mmCIF file of all heavy atoms, coordinates in Angstrom:
data_MODEL
# 
_entry.id   MODEL 
# 
loop_
_atom_site.group_PDB 
_atom_site.id 
_atom_site.type_symbol 
_atom_site.label_atom_id 
_atom_site.label_alt_id 
_atom_site.label_comp_id 
_atom_site.label_asym_id 
_atom_site.label_entity_id 
_atom_site.label_seq_id 
_atom_site.pdbx_PDB_ins_code 
_atom_site.Cartn_x 
_atom_site.Cartn_y 
_atom_site.Cartn_z 
_atom_site.occupancy 
_atom_site.B_iso_or_equiv 
_atom_site.pdbx_formal_charge 
_atom_site.auth_seq_id 
_atom_site.auth_comp_id 
_atom_site.auth_asym_id 
_atom_site.auth_atom_id 
_atom_site.pdbx_PDB_model_num 
ATOM 1   N N   . LEU A 1 1  ? 0.824  -1.197 0.000  1.00 0.00 ? 1  LEU A N   1 
ATOM 2   C CA  . LEU A 1 1  ? 0.000  0.000  0.000  1.00 0.00 ? 1  LEU A CA  1 
ATOM 3   C C   . LEU A 1 1  ? 0.863  1.255  0.000  1.00 0.00 ? 1  LEU A C   1 
ATOM 4   O O   . LEU A 1 1  ? 1.938  1.297  0.601  1.00 0.00 ? 1  LEU A O   1 
ATOM 5   C CB  . LEU A 1 1  ? -0.912 -0.006 1.232  1.00 0.00 ? 1  LEU A CB  1 
ATOM 6   C CG  . LEU A 1 1  ? -1.924 -1.148 1.274  1.00 0.00 ? 1  LEU A CG  1 
ATOM 7   C CD1 . LEU A 1 1  ? -2.637 -1.183 2.605  1.00 0.00 ? 1  LEU A CD1 1 
ATOM 8   C CD2 . LEU A 1 1  ? -2.932 -1.027 0.136  1.00 0.00 ? 1  LEU A CD2 1 
ATOM 9   N N   . ASP A 1 2  ? 0.367  2.299  -0.652 1.00 0.00 ? 2  ASP A N   1 
ATOM 10  C CA  . ASP A 1 2  ? 1.038  3.600  -0.649 1.00 0.00 ? 2  ASP A CA  1 
ATOM 11  C C   . ASP A 1 2  ? 0.686  4.326  0.638  1.00 0.00 ? 2  ASP A C   1 
ATOM 12  O O   . ASP A 1 2  ? -0.495 4.568  0.923  1.00 0.00 ? 2  ASP A O   1 
ATOM 13  C CB  . ASP A 1 2  ? 0.601  4.422  -1.860 1.00 0.00 ? 2  ASP A CB  1 
ATOM 14  C CG  . ASP A 1 2  ? 1.010  3.778  -3.179 1.00 0.00 ? 2  ASP A CG  1 
ATOM 15  O OD1 . ASP A 1 2  ? 2.052  3.102  -3.205 1.00 0.00 ? 2  ASP A OD1 1 
ATOM 16  O OD2 . ASP A 1 2  ? 0.288  3.959  -4.179 1.00 0.00 ? 2  ASP A OD2 1 
ATOM 17  N N   . MET A 1 3  ? 1.706  4.699  1.390  1.00 0.00 ? 3  MET A N   1 
ATOM 18  C CA  . MET A 1 3  ? 1.457  5.276  2.719  1.00 0.00 ? 3  MET A CA  1 
ATOM 19  C C   . MET A 1 3  ? 2.614  6.189  3.104  1.00 0.00 ? 3  MET A C   1 
ATOM 20  O O   . MET A 1 3  ? 3.785  5.844  2.899  1.00 0.00 ? 3  MET A O   1 
ATOM 21  C CB  . MET A 1 3  ? 1.329  4.149  3.749  1.00 0.00 ? 3  MET A CB  1 
ATOM 22  C CG  . MET A 1 3  ? 1.263  4.599  5.192  1.00 0.00 ? 3  MET A CG  1 
ATOM 23  S SD  . MET A 1 3  ? -0.279 5.412  5.549  1.00 0.00 ? 3  MET A SD  1 
ATOM 24  C CE  . MET A 1 3  ? -1.392 4.061  5.240  1.00 0.00 ? 3  MET A CE  1 
ATOM 25  N N   . THR A 1 4  ? 2.286  7.350  3.648  1.00 0.00 ? 4  THR A N   1 
ATOM 26  C CA  . THR A 1 4  ? 3.295  8.251  4.211  1.00 0.00 ? 4  THR A CA  1 
ATOM 27  C C   . THR A 1 4  ? 2.993  8.430  5.685  1.00 0.00 ? 4  THR A C   1 
ATOM 28  O O   . THR A 1 4  ? 1.901  8.887  6.048  1.00 0.00 ? 4  THR A O   1 
ATOM 29  C CB  . THR A 1 4  ? 3.293  9.612  3.500  1.00 0.00 ? 4  THR A CB  1 
ATOM 30  O OG1 . THR A 1 4  ? 3.583  9.421  2.108  1.00 0.00 ? 4  THR A OG1 1 
ATOM 31  C CG2 . THR A 1 4  ? 4.335  10.539 4.115  1.00 0.00 ? 4  THR A CG2 1 
ATOM 32  N N   . ILE A 1 5  ? 3.936  8.048  6.536  1.00 0.00 ? 5  ILE A N   1 
ATOM 33  C CA  . ILE A 1 5  ? 3.751  8.104  7.989  1.00 0.00 ? 5  ILE A CA  1 
ATOM 34  C C   . ILE A 1 5  ? 4.729  9.110  8.587  1.00 0.00 ? 5  ILE A C   1 
ATOM 35  O O   . ILE A 1 5  ? 5.944  8.976  8.421  1.00 0.00 ? 5  ILE A O   1 
ATOM 36  C CB  . ILE A 1 5  ? 3.982  6.723  8.632  1.00 0.00 ? 5  ILE A CB  1 
ATOM 37  C CG1 . ILE A 1 5  ? 3.069  5.669  8.009  1.00 0.00 ? 5  ILE A CG1 1 
ATOM 38  C CG2 . ILE A 1 5  ? 3.765  6.795  10.148 1.00 0.00 ? 5  ILE A CG2 1 
ATOM 39  C CD1 . ILE A 1 5  ? 3.350  4.255  8.498  1.00 0.00 ? 5  ILE A CD1 1 
ATOM 40  N N   . PHE A 1 6  ? 4.190  10.111 9.259  1.00 0.00 ? 6  PHE A N   1 
ATOM 41  C CA  . PHE A 1 6  ? 5.006  11.036 10.044 1.00 0.00 ? 6  PHE A CA  1 
ATOM 42  C C   . PHE A 1 6  ? 4.942  10.579 11.507 1.00 0.00 ? 6  PHE A C   1 
ATOM 43  O O   . PHE A 1 6  ? 3.878  10.633 12.132 1.00 0.00 ? 6  PHE A O   1 
ATOM 44  C CB  . PHE A 1 6  ? 4.503  12.469 9.907  1.00 0.00 ? 6  PHE A CB  1 
ATOM 45  C CG  . PHE A 1 6  ? 4.748  13.065 8.545  1.00 0.00 ? 6  PHE A CG  1 
ATOM 46  C CD1 . PHE A 1 6  ? 3.786  12.989 7.555  1.00 0.00 ? 6  PHE A CD1 1 
ATOM 47  C CD2 . PHE A 1 6  ? 5.955  13.694 8.263  1.00 0.00 ? 6  PHE A CD2 1 
ATOM 48  C CE1 . PHE A 1 6  ? 4.009  13.525 6.287  1.00 0.00 ? 6  PHE A CE1 1 
ATOM 49  C CE2 . PHE A 1 6  ? 6.195  14.239 6.999  1.00 0.00 ? 6  PHE A CE2 1 
ATOM 50  C CZ  . PHE A 1 6  ? 5.215  14.149 6.013  1.00 0.00 ? 6  PHE A CZ  1 
ATOM 51  N N   . ILE A 1 7  ? 6.069  10.107 12.019 1.00 0.00 ? 7  ILE A N   1 
ATOM 52  C CA  . ILE A 1 7  ? 6.139  9.661  13.410 1.00 0.00 ? 7  ILE A CA  1 
ATOM 53  C C   . ILE A 1 7  ? 6.650  10.834 14.245 1.00 0.00 ? 7  ILE A C   1 
ATOM 54  O O   . ILE A 1 7  ? 7.764  11.324 14.030 1.00 0.00 ? 7  ILE A O   1 
ATOM 55  C CB  . ILE A 1 7  ? 7.086  8.464  13.561 1.00 0.00 ? 7  ILE A CB  1 
ATOM 56  C CG1 . ILE A 1 7  ? 6.645  7.313  12.653 1.00 0.00 ? 7  ILE A CG1 1 
ATOM 57  C CG2 . ILE A 1 7  ? 7.146  8.002  15.015 1.00 0.00 ? 7  ILE A CG2 1 
ATOM 58  C CD1 . ILE A 1 7  ? 7.680  6.211  12.526 1.00 0.00 ? 7  ILE A CD1 1 
ATOM 59  N N   . LEU A 1 8  ? 5.820  11.282 15.175 1.00 0.00 ? 8  LEU A N   1 
ATOM 60  C CA  . LEU A 1 8  ? 6.192  12.421 16.017 1.00 0.00 ? 8  LEU A CA  1 
ATOM 61  C C   . LEU A 1 8  ? 6.779  11.887 17.317 1.00 0.00 ? 8  LEU A C   1 
ATOM 62  O O   . LEU A 1 8  ? 6.064  11.333 18.165 1.00 0.00 ? 8  LEU A O   1 
ATOM 63  C CB  . LEU A 1 8  ? 4.966  13.292 16.281 1.00 0.00 ? 8  LEU A CB  1 
ATOM 64  C CG  . LEU A 1 8  ? 4.175  13.681 15.023 1.00 0.00 ? 8  LEU A CG  1 
ATOM 65  C CD1 . LEU A 1 8  ? 3.025  14.601 15.374 1.00 0.00 ? 8  LEU A CD1 1 
ATOM 66  C CD2 . LEU A 1 8  ? 5.086  14.321 13.980 1.00 0.00 ? 8  LEU A CD2 1 
ATOM 67  N N   . ASN A 1 9  ? 8.070  12.022 17.456 1.00 0.00 ? 9  ASN A N   1 
ATOM 68  C CA  . ASN A 1 9  ? 8.788  11.454 18.603 1.00 0.00 ? 9  ASN A CA  1 
ATOM 69  C C   . ASN A 1 9  ? 9.040  12.546 19.637 1.00 0.00 ? 9  ASN A C   1 
ATOM 70  O O   . ASN A 1 9  ? 9.913  13.393 19.471 1.00 0.00 ? 9  ASN A O   1 
ATOM 71  C CB  . ASN A 1 9  ? 10.109 10.842 18.135 1.00 0.00 ? 9  ASN A CB  1 
ATOM 72  C CG  . ASN A 1 9  ? 10.749 9.986  19.216 1.00 0.00 ? 9  ASN A CG  1 
ATOM 73  O OD1 . ASN A 1 9  ? 10.583 10.240 20.407 1.00 0.00 ? 9  ASN A OD1 1 
ATOM 74  N ND2 . ASN A 1 9  ? 11.485 8.971  18.797 1.00 0.00 ? 9  ASN A ND2 1 
ATOM 75  N N   . ASN A 1 10 ? 8.232  12.519 20.693 1.00 0.00 ? 10 ASN A N   1 
ATOM 76  C CA  . ASN A 1 10 ? 8.419  13.486 21.792 1.00 0.00 ? 10 ASN A CA  1 
ATOM 77  C C   . ASN A 1 10 ? 8.673  12.782 23.113 1.00 0.00 ? 10 ASN A C   1 
ATOM 78  O O   . ASN A 1 10 ? 8.329  13.286 24.184 1.00 0.00 ? 10 ASN A O   1 
ATOM 79  C CB  . ASN A 1 10 ? 7.234  14.449 21.888 1.00 0.00 ? 10 ASN A CB  1 
ATOM 80  C CG  . ASN A 1 10 ? 5.899  13.722 21.867 1.00 0.00 ? 10 ASN A CG  1 
ATOM 81  O OD1 . ASN A 1 10 ? 5.830  12.506 22.054 1.00 0.00 ? 10 ASN A OD1 1 
ATOM 82  N ND2 . ASN A 1 10 ? 4.826  14.454 21.654 1.00 0.00 ? 10 ASN A ND2 1 
ATOM 83  N N   . ASN A 1 11 ? 9.279  11.589 23.020 1.00 0.00 ? 11 ASN A N   1 
ATOM 84  C CA  . ASN A 1 11 ? 9.804  10.901 24.194 1.00 0.00 ? 11 ASN A CA  1 
ATOM 85  C C   . ASN A 1 11 ? 8.722  10.523 25.198 1.00 0.00 ? 11 ASN A C   1 
ATOM 86  O O   . ASN A 1 11 ? 8.778  10.886 26.368 1.00 0.00 ? 11 ASN A O   1 
ATOM 87  C CB  . ASN A 1 11 ? 10.887 11.758 24.879 1.00 0.00 ? 11 ASN A CB  1 
ATOM 88  C CG  . ASN A 1 11 ? 11.690 10.974 25.892 1.00 0.00 ? 11 ASN A CG  1 
ATOM 89  O OD1 . ASN A 1 11 ? 11.804 9.761  25.781 1.00 0.00 ? 11 ASN A OD1 1 
ATOM 90  N ND2 . ASN A 1 11 ? 12.250 11.668 26.877 1.00 0.00 ? 11 ASN A ND2 1 
ATOM 91  N N   . GLY A 1 12 ? 7.728  9.782  24.721 1.00 0.00 ? 12 GLY A N   1 
ATOM 92  C CA  . GLY A 1 12 ? 6.717  9.266  25.646 1.00 0.00 ? 12 GLY A CA  1 
ATOM 93  C C   . GLY A 1 12 ? 5.331  9.797  25.356 1.00 0.00 ? 12 GLY A C   1 
ATOM 94  O O   . GLY A 1 12 ? 5.064  10.397 24.317 1.00 0.00 ? 12 GLY A O   1 
ATOM 95  N N   . TYR A 1 13 ? 4.439  9.568  26.329 1.00 0.00 ? 13 TYR A N   1 
ATOM 96  C CA  . TYR A 1 13 ? 3.038  9.970  26.188 1.00 0.00 ? 13 TYR A CA  1 
ATOM 97  C C   . TYR A 1 13 ? 2.866  11.416 26.633 1.00 0.00 ? 13 TYR A C   1 
ATOM 98  O O   . TYR A 1 13 ? 2.523  11.693 27.789 1.00 0.00 ? 13 TYR A O   1 
ATOM 99  C CB  . TYR A 1 13 ? 2.139  9.058  27.019 1.00 0.00 ? 13 TYR A CB  1 
ATOM 100 C CG  . TYR A 1 13 ? 2.156  7.608  26.616 1.00 0.00 ? 13 TYR A CG  1 
ATOM 101 C CD1 . TYR A 1 13 ? 2.421  6.604  27.539 1.00 0.00 ? 13 TYR A CD1 1 
ATOM 102 C CD2 . TYR A 1 13 ? 1.899  7.234  25.298 1.00 0.00 ? 13 TYR A CD2 1 
ATOM 103 C CE1 . TYR A 1 13 ? 2.434  5.265  27.171 1.00 0.00 ? 13 TYR A CE1 1 
ATOM 104 C CE2 . TYR A 1 13 ? 1.907  5.900  24.919 1.00 0.00 ? 13 TYR A CE2 1 
ATOM 105 C CZ  . TYR A 1 13 ? 2.185  4.920  25.868 1.00 0.00 ? 13 TYR A CZ  1 
ATOM 106 O OH  . TYR A 1 13 ? 2.185  3.595  25.497 1.00 0.00 ? 13 TYR A OH  1 
ATOM 107 N N   . THR A 1 14 ? 3.096  12.333 25.697 1.00 0.00 ? 14 THR A N   1 
ATOM 108 C CA  . THR A 1 14 ? 3.049  13.752 26.062 1.00 0.00 ? 14 THR A CA  1 
ATOM 109 C C   . THR A 1 14 ? 1.666  14.170 26.550 1.00 0.00 ? 14 THR A C   1 
ATOM 110 O O   . THR A 1 14 ? 1.548  14.931 27.523 1.00 0.00 ? 14 THR A O   1 
ATOM 111 C CB  . THR A 1 14 ? 3.491  14.613 24.872 1.00 0.00 ? 14 THR A CB  1 
ATOM 112 O OG1 . THR A 1 14 ? 4.898  14.435 24.670 1.00 0.00 ? 14 THR A OG1 1 
ATOM 113 C CG2 . THR A 1 14 ? 3.213  16.081 25.129 1.00 0.00 ? 14 THR A CG2 1 
ATOM 114 N N   . ILE A 1 15 ? 0.603  13.683 25.902 1.00 0.00 ? 15 ILE A N   1 
ATOM 115 C CA  . ILE A 1 15 ? -0.735 14.097 26.329 1.00 0.00 ? 15 ILE A CA  1 
ATOM 116 C C   . ILE A 1 15 ? -1.007 13.653 27.768 1.00 0.00 ? 15 ILE A C   1 
ATOM 117 O O   . ILE A 1 15 ? -1.591 14.392 28.560 1.00 0.00 ? 15 ILE A O   1 
ATOM 118 C CB  . ILE A 1 15 ? -1.819 13.547 25.373 1.00 0.00 ? 15 ILE A CB  1 
ATOM 119 C CG1 . ILE A 1 15 ? -3.201 14.097 25.771 1.00 0.00 ? 15 ILE A CG1 1 
ATOM 120 C CG2 . ILE A 1 15 ? -1.825 12.034 25.333 1.00 0.00 ? 15 ILE A CG2 1 
ATOM 121 C CD1 . ILE A 1 15 ? -4.283 13.792 24.767 1.00 0.00 ? 15 ILE A CD1 1 
ATOM 122 N N   . GLU A 1 16 ? -0.527 12.459 28.138 1.00 0.00 ? 16 GLU A N   1 
ATOM 123 C CA  . GLU A 1 16 ? -0.711 11.989 29.510 1.00 0.00 ? 16 GLU A CA  1 
ATOM 124 C C   . GLU A 1 16 ? 0.175  12.779 30.466 1.00 0.00 ? 16 GLU A C   1 
ATOM 125 O O   . GLU A 1 16 ? -0.221 13.079 31.597 1.00 0.00 ? 16 GLU A O   1 
ATOM 126 C CB  . GLU A 1 16 ? -0.403 10.495 29.611 1.00 0.00 ? 16 GLU A CB  1 
ATOM 127 C CG  . GLU A 1 16 ? -1.061 9.621  28.556 1.00 0.00 ? 16 GLU A CG  1 
ATOM 128 C CD  . GLU A 1 16 ? -2.575 9.580  28.681 1.00 0.00 ? 16 GLU A CD  1 
ATOM 129 O OE1 . GLU A 1 16 ? -3.137 10.254 29.565 1.00 0.00 ? 16 GLU A OE1 1 
ATOM 130 O OE2 . GLU A 1 16 ? -3.207 8.875  27.874 1.00 0.00 ? 16 GLU A OE2 1 
ATOM 131 N N   . ARG A 1 17 ? 1.387  13.111 30.033 1.00 0.00 ? 17 ARG A N   1 
ATOM 132 C CA  . ARG A 1 17 ? 2.279  13.913 30.885 1.00 0.00 ? 17 ARG A CA  1 
ATOM 133 C C   . ARG A 1 17 ? 1.626  15.249 31.247 1.00 0.00 ? 17 ARG A C   1 
ATOM 134 O O   . ARG A 1 17 ? 1.714  15.714 32.379 1.00 0.00 ? 17 ARG A O   1 
ATOM 135 C CB  . ARG A 1 17 ? 3.604  14.184 30.159 1.00 0.00 ? 17 ARG A CB  1 
ATOM 136 C CG  . ARG A 1 17 ? 4.471  12.970 29.901 1.00 0.00 ? 17 ARG A CG  1 
ATOM 137 C CD  . ARG A 1 17 ? 5.827  13.419 29.357 1.00 0.00 ? 17 ARG A CD  1 
ATOM 138 N NE  . ARG A 1 17 ? 6.609  12.341 28.791 1.00 0.00 ? 17 ARG A NE  1 
ATOM 139 C CZ  . ARG A 1 17 ? 7.320  11.450 29.472 1.00 0.00 ? 17 ARG A CZ  1 
ATOM 140 N NH1 . ARG A 1 17 ? 7.311  11.501 30.790 1.00 0.00 ? 17 ARG A NH1 1 
ATOM 141 N NH2 . ARG A 1 17 ? 8.016  10.519 28.841 1.00 0.00 ? 17 ARG A NH2 1 
ATOM 142 N N   . ILE A 1 18 ? 0.974  15.856 30.256 1.00 0.00 ? 18 ILE A N   1 
ATOM 143 C CA  . ILE A 1 18 ? 0.365  17.159 30.495 1.00 0.00 ? 18 ILE A CA  1 
ATOM 144 C C   . ILE A 1 18 ? -0.831 17.029 31.437 1.00 0.00 ? 18 ILE A C   1 
ATOM 145 O O   . ILE A 1 18 ? -1.084 17.911 32.264 1.00 0.00 ? 18 ILE A O   1 
ATOM 146 C CB  . ILE A 1 18 ? -0.056 17.794 29.148 1.00 0.00 ? 18 ILE A CB  1 
ATOM 147 C CG1 . ILE A 1 18 ? 1.188  18.100 28.325 1.00 0.00 ? 18 ILE A CG1 1 
ATOM 148 C CG2 . ILE A 1 18 ? -0.859 19.074 29.376 1.00 0.00 ? 18 ILE A CG2 1 
ATOM 149 C CD1 . ILE A 1 18 ? 0.878  18.560 26.924 1.00 0.00 ? 18 ILE A CD1 1 
ATOM 150 N N   . ILE A 1 19 ? -1.552 15.908 31.332 1.00 0.00 ? 19 ILE A N   1 
ATOM 151 C CA  . ILE A 1 19 ? -2.702 15.704 32.218 1.00 0.00 ? 19 ILE A CA  1 
ATOM 152 C C   . ILE A 1 19 ? -2.248 15.431 33.641 1.00 0.00 ? 19 ILE A C   1 
ATOM 153 O O   . ILE A 1 19 ? -2.743 16.021 34.606 1.00 0.00 ? 19 ILE A O   1 
ATOM 154 C CB  . ILE A 1 19 ? -3.571 14.538 31.694 1.00 0.00 ? 19 ILE A CB  1 
ATOM 155 C CG1 . ILE A 1 19 ? -4.201 14.907 30.351 1.00 0.00 ? 19 ILE A CG1 1 
ATOM 156 C CG2 . ILE A 1 19 ? -4.666 14.181 32.705 1.00 0.00 ? 19 ILE A CG2 1 
ATOM 157 C CD1 . ILE A 1 19 ? -4.922 13.758 29.676 1.00 0.00 ? 19 ILE A CD1 1 
ATOM 158 N N   . HIS A 1 20 ? -1.284 14.522 33.798 1.00 0.00 ? 20 HIS A N   1 
ATOM 159 C CA  . HIS A 1 20 ? -0.827 14.166 35.154 1.00 0.00 ? 20 HIS A CA  1 
ATOM 160 C C   . HIS A 1 20 ? 0.458  13.347 35.068 1.00 0.00 ? 20 HIS A C   1 
ATOM 161 O O   . HIS A 1 20 ? 0.594  12.484 34.211 1.00 0.00 ? 20 HIS A O   1 
ATOM 162 C CB  . HIS A 1 20 ? -1.903 13.344 35.884 1.00 0.00 ? 20 HIS A CB  1 
ATOM 163 C CG  . HIS A 1 20 ? -1.510 12.934 37.271 1.00 0.00 ? 20 HIS A CG  1 
ATOM 164 N ND1 . HIS A 1 20 ? -1.536 13.809 38.337 1.00 0.00 ? 20 HIS A ND1 1 
ATOM 165 C CD2 . HIS A 1 20 ? -1.072 11.749 37.757 1.00 0.00 ? 20 HIS A CD2 1 
ATOM 166 C CE1 . HIS A 1 20 ? -1.139 13.183 39.429 1.00 0.00 ? 20 HIS A CE1 1 
ATOM 167 N NE2 . HIS A 1 20 ? -0.855 11.921 39.104 1.00 0.00 ? 20 HIS A NE2 1 
ATOM 168 N N   . GLY A 1 21 ? 1.370  13.599 35.990 1.00 0.00 ? 21 GLY A N   1 
ATOM 169 C CA  . GLY A 1 21 ? 2.592  12.799 36.107 1.00 0.00 ? 21 GLY A CA  1 
ATOM 170 C C   . GLY A 1 21 ? 3.595  13.094 35.018 1.00 0.00 ? 21 GLY A C   1 
ATOM 171 O O   . GLY A 1 21 ? 4.031  12.181 34.310 1.00 0.00 ? 21 GLY A O   1 
ATOM 172 N N   . PHE A 1 22 ? 3.995  14.364 34.902 1.00 0.00 ? 22 PHE A N   1 
ATOM 173 C CA  . PHE A 1 22 ? 4.837  14.751 33.778 1.00 0.00 ? 22 PHE A CA  1 
ATOM 174 C C   . PHE A 1 22 ? 6.119  13.926 33.712 1.00 0.00 ? 22 PHE A C   1 
ATOM 175 O O   . PHE A 1 22 ? 6.526  13.479 32.633 1.00 0.00 ? 22 PHE A O   1 
ATOM 176 C CB  . PHE A 1 22 ? 5.187  16.247 33.839 1.00 0.00 ? 22 PHE A CB  1 
ATOM 177 C CG  . PHE A 1 22 ? 5.838  16.740 32.585 1.00 0.00 ? 22 PHE A CG  1 
ATOM 178 C CD1 . PHE A 1 22 ? 5.077  17.163 31.508 1.00 0.00 ? 22 PHE A CD1 1 
ATOM 179 C CD2 . PHE A 1 22 ? 7.219  16.741 32.448 1.00 0.00 ? 22 PHE A CD2 1 
ATOM 180 C CE1 . PHE A 1 22 ? 5.672  17.584 30.330 1.00 0.00 ? 22 PHE A CE1 1 
ATOM 181 C CE2 . PHE A 1 22 ? 7.825  17.161 31.271 1.00 0.00 ? 22 PHE A CE2 1 
ATOM 182 C CZ  . PHE A 1 22 ? 7.053  17.587 30.216 1.00 0.00 ? 22 PHE A CZ  1 
ATOM 183 N N   . TYR A 1 23 ? 6.754  13.712 34.867 1.00 0.00 ? 23 TYR A N   1 
ATOM 184 C CA  . TYR A 1 23 ? 8.008  12.955 34.874 1.00 0.00 ? 23 TYR A CA  1 
ATOM 185 C C   . TYR A 1 23 ? 7.828  11.529 35.373 1.00 0.00 ? 23 TYR A C   1 
ATOM 186 O O   . TYR A 1 23 ? 8.804  10.814 35.606 1.00 0.00 ? 23 TYR A O   1 
ATOM 187 C CB  . TYR A 1 23 ? 9.049  13.673 35.738 1.00 0.00 ? 23 TYR A CB  1 
ATOM 188 C CG  . TYR A 1 23 ? 9.483  15.002 35.156 1.00 0.00 ? 23 TYR A CG  1 
ATOM 189 C CD1 . TYR A 1 23 ? 9.048  16.203 35.712 1.00 0.00 ? 23 TYR A CD1 1 
ATOM 190 C CD2 . TYR A 1 23 ? 10.301 15.058 34.027 1.00 0.00 ? 23 TYR A CD2 1 
ATOM 191 C CE1 . TYR A 1 23 ? 9.427  17.425 35.177 1.00 0.00 ? 23 TYR A CE1 1 
ATOM 192 C CE2 . TYR A 1 23 ? 10.685 16.272 33.489 1.00 0.00 ? 23 TYR A CE2 1 
ATOM 193 C CZ  . TYR A 1 23 ? 10.253 17.458 34.066 1.00 0.00 ? 23 TYR A CZ  1 
ATOM 194 O OH  . TYR A 1 23 ? 10.633 18.656 33.521 1.00 0.00 ? 23 TYR A OH  1 
ATOM 195 N N   . ALA A 1 24 ? 6.594  11.091 35.538 1.00 0.00 ? 24 ALA A N   1 
ATOM 196 C CA  . ALA A 1 24 ? 6.341  9.744  36.044 1.00 0.00 ? 24 ALA A CA  1 
ATOM 197 C C   . ALA A 1 24 ? 6.775  8.699  35.009 1.00 0.00 ? 24 ALA A C   1 
ATOM 198 O O   . ALA A 1 24 ? 6.569  8.875  33.805 1.00 0.00 ? 24 ALA A O   1 
ATOM 199 C CB  . ALA A 1 24 ? 4.862  9.575  36.364 1.00 0.00 ? 24 ALA A CB  1 
ATOM 200 N N   . ASP A 1 25 ? 7.342  7.594  35.512 1.00 0.00 ? 25 ASP A N   1 
ATOM 201 C CA  . ASP A 1 25 ? 7.844  6.595  34.582 1.00 0.00 ? 25 ASP A CA  1 
ATOM 202 C C   . ASP A 1 25 ? 6.730  5.882  33.830 1.00 0.00 ? 25 ASP A C   1 
ATOM 203 O O   . ASP A 1 25 ? 6.961  5.288  32.782 1.00 0.00 ? 25 ASP A O   1 
ATOM 204 C CB  . ASP A 1 25 ? 8.736  5.583  35.298 1.00 0.00 ? 25 ASP A CB  1 
ATOM 205 C CG  . ASP A 1 25 ? 8.047  4.870  36.451 1.00 0.00 ? 25 ASP A CG  1 
ATOM 206 O OD1 . ASP A 1 25 ? 6.844  5.103  36.674 1.00 0.00 ? 25 ASP A OD1 1 
ATOM 207 O OD2 . ASP A 1 25 ? 8.726  4.061  37.130 1.00 0.00 ? 25 ASP A OD2 1 
ATOM 208 N N   . TYR A 1 26 ? 5.487  5.946  34.355 1.00 0.00 ? 26 TYR A N   1 
ATOM 209 C CA  . TYR A 1 26 ? 4.408  5.296  33.617 1.00 0.00 ? 26 TYR A CA  1 
ATOM 210 C C   . TYR A 1 26 ? 4.039  6.043  32.338 1.00 0.00 ? 26 TYR A C   1 
ATOM 211 O O   . TYR A 1 26 ? 3.288  5.533  31.511 1.00 0.00 ? 26 TYR A O   1 
ATOM 212 C CB  . TYR A 1 26 ? 3.159  5.077  34.488 1.00 0.00 ? 26 TYR A CB  1 
ATOM 213 C CG  . TYR A 1 26 ? 2.667  6.283  35.269 1.00 0.00 ? 26 TYR A CG  1 
ATOM 214 C CD1 . TYR A 1 26 ? 2.072  7.373  34.642 1.00 0.00 ? 26 TYR A CD1 1 
ATOM 215 C CD2 . TYR A 1 26 ? 2.779  6.308  36.661 1.00 0.00 ? 26 TYR A CD2 1 
ATOM 216 C CE1 . TYR A 1 26 ? 1.611  8.455  35.359 1.00 0.00 ? 26 TYR A CE1 1 
ATOM 217 C CE2 . TYR A 1 26 ? 2.316  7.390  37.398 1.00 0.00 ? 26 TYR A CE2 1 
ATOM 218 C CZ  . TYR A 1 26 ? 1.727  8.463  36.750 1.00 0.00 ? 26 TYR A CZ  1 
ATOM 219 O OH  . TYR A 1 26 ? 1.268  9.540  37.473 1.00 0.00 ? 26 TYR A OH  1 
# 
């Protein structure tokens, strides 16, 4: 299949970090 994937690498679950536990290992 023809596909273009942009992988945004921001070192973890940024949306969860912003909600709670910014530096938490989970």
